Amino acid sequence: MTTLGVTDPDGATPEDNDLHHAARGGNTTAIHFLLQRWGRDYLEARDNYGRTPLYLAALHGHADAVEALLGFGADPNARTALNRTPLSAADAYGQTEISQMLRDNGANPAYWQTHLCMAAQLGNATMVEELLDANAANRDRRDFGYGRTPLMWAAVMGHVEAVRVLLDADAVINMVDFQECTPWGLAADNRHTDIVNMIIVKMLQDRRRGREITTALTAGKRGIGGLRS
């Protein structure tokens, strides 16, 4: 299943091989043919961004291609040049079937996310609260792949209670991720209107308290529908 019909960064992927093209397009017939012909060395080949065929299949939402590549022994924890993994790509774009498939085959979320980011992304508000109580210093700590804070993950996934816990803990609302998206922008792009309103209310409360903040409504350029990398 392909979700968003967007291109890779710069609209091209120099030094791709045929397997990269097959994985990006979800062509399982070509994947089987190429790997039966060339073997595992071909399986872990990298493009100029350090992306493996498995990463590209996960990024573009091709569950059958992911299953085929894992069946041939693709490494689910291989990192790109930007320190991203196939699981981080699937999680970032809401590919739940692929995320579970990767986890079932040994993908380790800790390779790219803090425990608090994971709890926020999954919408486990109780765990978010417990982790904040244990170490409040992690409140705004970014993940390693997309530069997203726990608040950004809760906002983009639409987890209202997790957002409420983070806002009550004074999570910073105007931070931007590596694609210059704010929590508000991520929520707005994904039509999570309750969360948009919650962040606006929090911003106005902070302003009344005299806190100096950058306007969160204009800082974020786009949310989950931005360019994939």
Protein backbone atom coordinates (compact mmCIF):
# COMPACT_ATOMS: atom_id res chain seq x y z
CA MET A 1 0.00 0.00 0.00
CA THR A 2 1.38 3.38 -0.98
CA THR A 3 0.15 6.30 1.11
CA LEU A 4 1.50 9.65 0.01
CA GLY A 5 2.51 10.07 -3.62
CA VAL A 6 5.60 12.15 -2.94
CA THR A 7 9.13 11.93 -4.26
CA ASP A 8 12.40 11.38 -2.49
CA PRO A 9 14.60 14.37 -1.59
CA ASP A 10 15.84 16.27 -4.65
CA GLY A 11 13.51 14.20 -6.83
CA ALA A 12 16.25 11.70 -7.65
CA THR A 13 18.33 8.97 -6.11
CA PRO A 14 21.76 8.85 -7.79
CA GLU A 15 23.66 5.57 -7.70
CA ASP A 16 20.53 3.51 -7.10
CA ASN A 17 20.57 -0.07 -8.28
CA ASP A 18 17.69 -2.05 -9.72
CA LEU A 19 16.75 -3.40 -6.31
CA HIS A 20 16.34 0.11 -4.93
CA HIS A 21 13.96 0.91 -7.78
CA ALA A 22 12.00 -2.31 -7.24
CA ALA A 23 11.72 -1.69 -3.50
CA ARG A 24 10.64 1.93 -3.95
CA GLY A 25 7.95 0.85 -6.39
CA GLY A 26 6.83 -2.19 -4.38
CA ASN A 27 7.66 -4.60 -7.22
CA THR A 28 7.94 -7.91 -5.39
CA THR A 29 8.40 -9.92 -8.60
CA ALA A 30 11.49 -7.90 -9.45
CA ILE A 31 12.74 -8.12 -5.86
CA HIS A 32 12.58 -11.93 -5.92
CA PHE A 33 14.24 -12.11 -9.34
CA LEU A 34 17.08 -9.77 -8.45
CA LEU A 35 17.87 -11.31 -5.07
CA GLN A 36 17.76 -14.85 -6.40
CA ARG A 37 20.23 -13.72 -9.04
CA TRP A 38 22.56 -11.51 -7.00
CA GLY A 39 22.18 -12.59 -3.36
CA ARG A 40 22.62 -10.84 0.00
CA ASP A 41 25.35 -8.38 -1.01
CA TYR A 42 22.83 -6.76 -3.32
CA LEU A 43 20.25 -6.81 -0.51
CA GLU A 44 22.19 -4.36 1.70
CA ALA A 45 23.38 -2.01 -1.07
CA ARG A 46 23.11 1.71 -0.23
CA ASP A 47 22.10 4.68 -2.35
CA ASN A 48 23.73 8.10 -1.97
CA TYR A 49 21.60 8.78 1.13
CA GLY A 50 22.71 5.54 2.77
CA ARG A 51 19.30 3.93 2.29
CA THR A 52 18.84 0.20 1.79
CA PRO A 53 16.09 -1.34 -0.33
CA LEU A 54 14.25 -2.29 2.89
CA TYR A 55 14.29 1.32 4.06
CA LEU A 56 12.82 2.50 0.75
CA ALA A 57 10.10 -0.16 0.79
CA ALA A 58 9.15 0.83 4.35
CA LEU A 59 9.31 4.54 3.55
CA HIS A 60 6.90 4.20 0.64
CA GLY A 61 4.48 1.88 2.42
CA HIS A 62 4.97 -1.33 0.44
CA ALA A 63 4.19 -4.06 2.96
CA ASP A 64 4.61 -6.94 0.47
CA ALA A 65 8.02 -5.64 -0.57
CA VAL A 66 9.07 -5.26 3.08
CA GLU A 67 7.97 -8.85 3.76
CA ALA A 68 9.90 -10.11 0.74
CA LEU A 69 13.09 -8.27 1.70
CA LEU A 70 12.89 -9.45 5.30
CA GLY A 71 12.39 -12.97 4.01
CA PHE A 72 15.70 -12.71 2.20
CA GLY A 73 17.38 -11.54 5.43
CA ALA A 74 17.41 -7.74 5.09
CA ASP A 75 18.72 -5.97 8.19
CA PRO A 76 15.78 -4.20 9.90
CA ASN A 77 18.16 -2.00 11.91
CA ALA A 78 20.32 -0.70 9.07
CA ARG A 79 20.78 3.06 9.41
CA THR A 80 20.83 5.70 6.70
CA ALA A 81 23.29 8.57 6.47
CA LEU A 82 20.81 10.57 8.59
CA ASN A 83 20.71 7.86 11.27
CA ARG A 84 17.24 6.66 10.26
CA THR A 85 16.04 3.07 10.15
CA PRO A 86 13.28 1.26 8.25
CA LEU A 87 11.25 1.31 11.47
CA SER A 88 11.68 5.06 11.90
CA ALA A 89 10.42 5.58 8.34
CA ALA A 90 7.39 3.34 8.87
CA ASP A 91 6.57 4.89 12.24
CA ALA A 92 6.96 8.45 10.97
CA TYR A 93 4.40 7.91 8.21
CA GLY A 94 1.91 5.85 10.19
CA GLN A 95 2.62 2.54 8.42
CA THR A 96 1.39 0.40 11.31
CA GLU A 97 1.37 -2.92 9.45
CA ILE A 98 4.95 -2.42 8.31
CA SER A 99 6.04 -1.17 11.74
CA GLN A 100 4.72 -4.34 13.37
CA MET A 101 6.30 -6.52 10.69
CA LEU A 102 9.68 -4.89 11.28
CA ARG A 103 9.38 -5.24 15.06
CA ASP A 104 8.45 -8.90 14.65
CA ASN A 105 11.65 -9.34 12.65
CA GLY A 106 13.99 -7.72 15.16
CA ALA A 107 13.73 -3.98 14.50
CA ASN A 108 14.76 -2.13 17.65
CA PRO A 109 12.90 1.15 18.36
CA ALA A 110 15.66 2.18 20.77
CA TYR A 111 17.97 2.60 17.78
CA TRP A 112 16.22 5.83 16.91
CA GLN A 113 13.80 6.92 19.66
CA THR A 114 13.90 7.73 23.34
CA HIS A 115 11.51 5.79 25.57
CA LEU A 116 9.48 8.97 26.07
CA CYS A 117 9.19 9.53 22.32
CA MET A 118 8.02 5.93 21.92
CA ALA A 119 5.40 6.27 24.64
CA ALA A 120 4.14 9.54 23.14
CA GLN A 121 3.99 8.09 19.64
CA LEU A 122 2.01 5.09 20.88
CA GLY A 123 -0.33 7.32 22.87
CA ASN A 124 0.43 5.73 26.23
CA ALA A 125 -0.36 8.76 28.40
CA THR A 126 0.22 6.87 31.65
CA MET A 127 3.71 5.84 30.56
CA VAL A 128 4.42 9.38 29.34
CA GLU A 129 3.52 10.70 32.78
CA GLU A 130 5.63 8.08 34.56
CA LEU A 131 8.67 8.76 32.36
CA LEU A 132 8.34 12.50 32.93
CA ASP A 133 8.16 11.92 36.69
CA ALA A 134 11.29 9.76 36.50
CA ASN A 135 13.31 12.19 34.39
CA ALA A 136 11.79 15.52 33.42
CA ALA A 137 15.00 16.43 31.56
CA ASN A 138 13.87 14.16 28.69
CA ARG A 139 10.67 16.16 28.18
CA ASP A 140 11.86 17.88 25.00
CA ARG A 141 14.59 15.47 23.93
CA ARG A 142 14.47 14.77 20.20
CA ASP A 143 14.56 11.40 18.48
CA PHE A 144 17.62 10.54 16.41
CA GLY A 145 16.01 10.26 13.00
CA TYR A 146 13.45 13.04 12.54
CA GLY A 147 14.38 15.48 15.29
CA ARG A 148 10.91 15.17 16.81
CA THR A 149 10.14 15.72 20.47
CA PRO A 150 7.63 13.62 22.44
CA LEU A 151 5.07 16.40 21.96
CA MET A 152 5.58 16.32 18.20
CA TRP A 153 5.03 12.55 18.10
CA ALA A 154 1.89 12.71 20.22
CA ALA A 155 0.58 15.58 18.07
CA VAL A 156 1.25 13.96 14.70
CA MET A 157 -0.36 10.69 15.78
CA GLY A 158 -3.41 12.41 17.27
CA HIS A 159 -3.00 11.21 20.86
CA VAL A 160 -4.95 13.81 22.81
CA GLU A 161 -4.26 12.51 26.33
CA ALA A 162 -0.52 12.19 25.71
CA VAL A 163 -0.49 15.74 24.36
CA ARG A 164 -2.36 16.95 27.44
CA VAL A 165 0.18 15.32 29.77
CA LEU A 166 3.09 16.86 27.88
CA LEU A 167 1.52 20.32 27.75
CA ASP A 168 0.79 20.13 31.48
CA ALA A 169 4.50 19.37 31.94
CA ASP A 170 5.32 22.56 29.98
CA ALA A 171 6.68 20.79 26.89
CA VAL A 172 8.06 23.38 24.49
CA ILE A 173 5.45 24.07 21.81
CA ASN A 174 7.54 25.99 19.28
CA MET A 175 10.43 23.59 18.66
CA VAL A 176 10.82 22.40 15.07
CA ASP A 177 11.93 19.03 13.74
CA PHE A 178 14.45 18.43 10.95
CA GLN A 179 11.79 19.39 8.38
CA GLU A 180 10.96 22.61 10.25
CA CYS A 181 7.60 21.34 11.51
CA THR A 182 6.18 22.36 14.89
CA PRO A 183 3.79 20.26 17.01
CA TRP A 184 0.99 22.58 15.92
CA GLY A 185 1.91 22.19 12.24
CA LEU A 186 2.06 18.40 12.50
CA ALA A 187 -1.35 18.27 14.20
CA ALA A 188 -2.90 20.71 11.72
CA ASP A 189 -1.57 18.85 8.67
CA ASN A 190 -3.19 15.68 9.96
CA ARG A 191 -6.49 17.36 10.94
CA HIS A 192 -6.17 16.68 14.65
CA THR A 193 -8.27 19.72 15.52
CA ASP A 194 -8.56 18.96 19.23
CA ILE A 195 -4.77 19.00 19.52
CA VAL A 196 -4.47 22.15 17.42
CA ASN A 197 -6.85 23.89 19.80
CA MET A 198 -5.03 22.56 22.86
CA ILE A 199 -1.73 23.97 21.62
CA ILE A 200 -3.31 27.34 20.82
CA VAL A 201 -4.77 27.53 24.33
CA LYS A 202 -1.39 26.61 25.83
CA MET A 203 0.34 29.26 23.74
CA LEU A 204 -2.11 31.93 24.91
CA GLN A 205 -1.70 30.83 28.52
CA ASP A 206 2.07 31.09 28.24
CA ARG A 207 1.76 34.52 26.68
CA ARG A 208 -0.45 35.72 29.54
CA ARG A 209 2.14 34.43 32.00
CA GLY A 210 4.71 36.61 30.31
CA ARG A 211 6.71 33.80 28.75
CA GLU A 212 8.68 34.80 25.70
CA ILE A 213 7.82 32.36 22.93
CA THR A 214 8.05 32.28 19.17
CA THR A 215 4.65 32.04 17.52
CA ALA A 216 4.08 28.33 17.16
CA LEU A 217 1.43 28.84 14.51
CA THR A 218 3.84 30.18 11.92
CA ALA A 219 7.10 28.40 12.73
CA GLY A 220 6.09 25.01 11.32
CA LYS A 221 6.10 24.80 7.54
CA ARG A 222 4.48 21.40 7.16
CA GLY A 223 3.62 18.21 8.97
CA ILE A 224 3.72 14.56 8.07
CA GLY A 225 2.91 15.29 4.44
CA GLY A 226 6.31 16.88 3.85
CA LEU A 227 9.08 15.44 1.69
CA ARG A 228 10.28 12.01 2.65
CA SER A 229 13.93 11.30 3.26
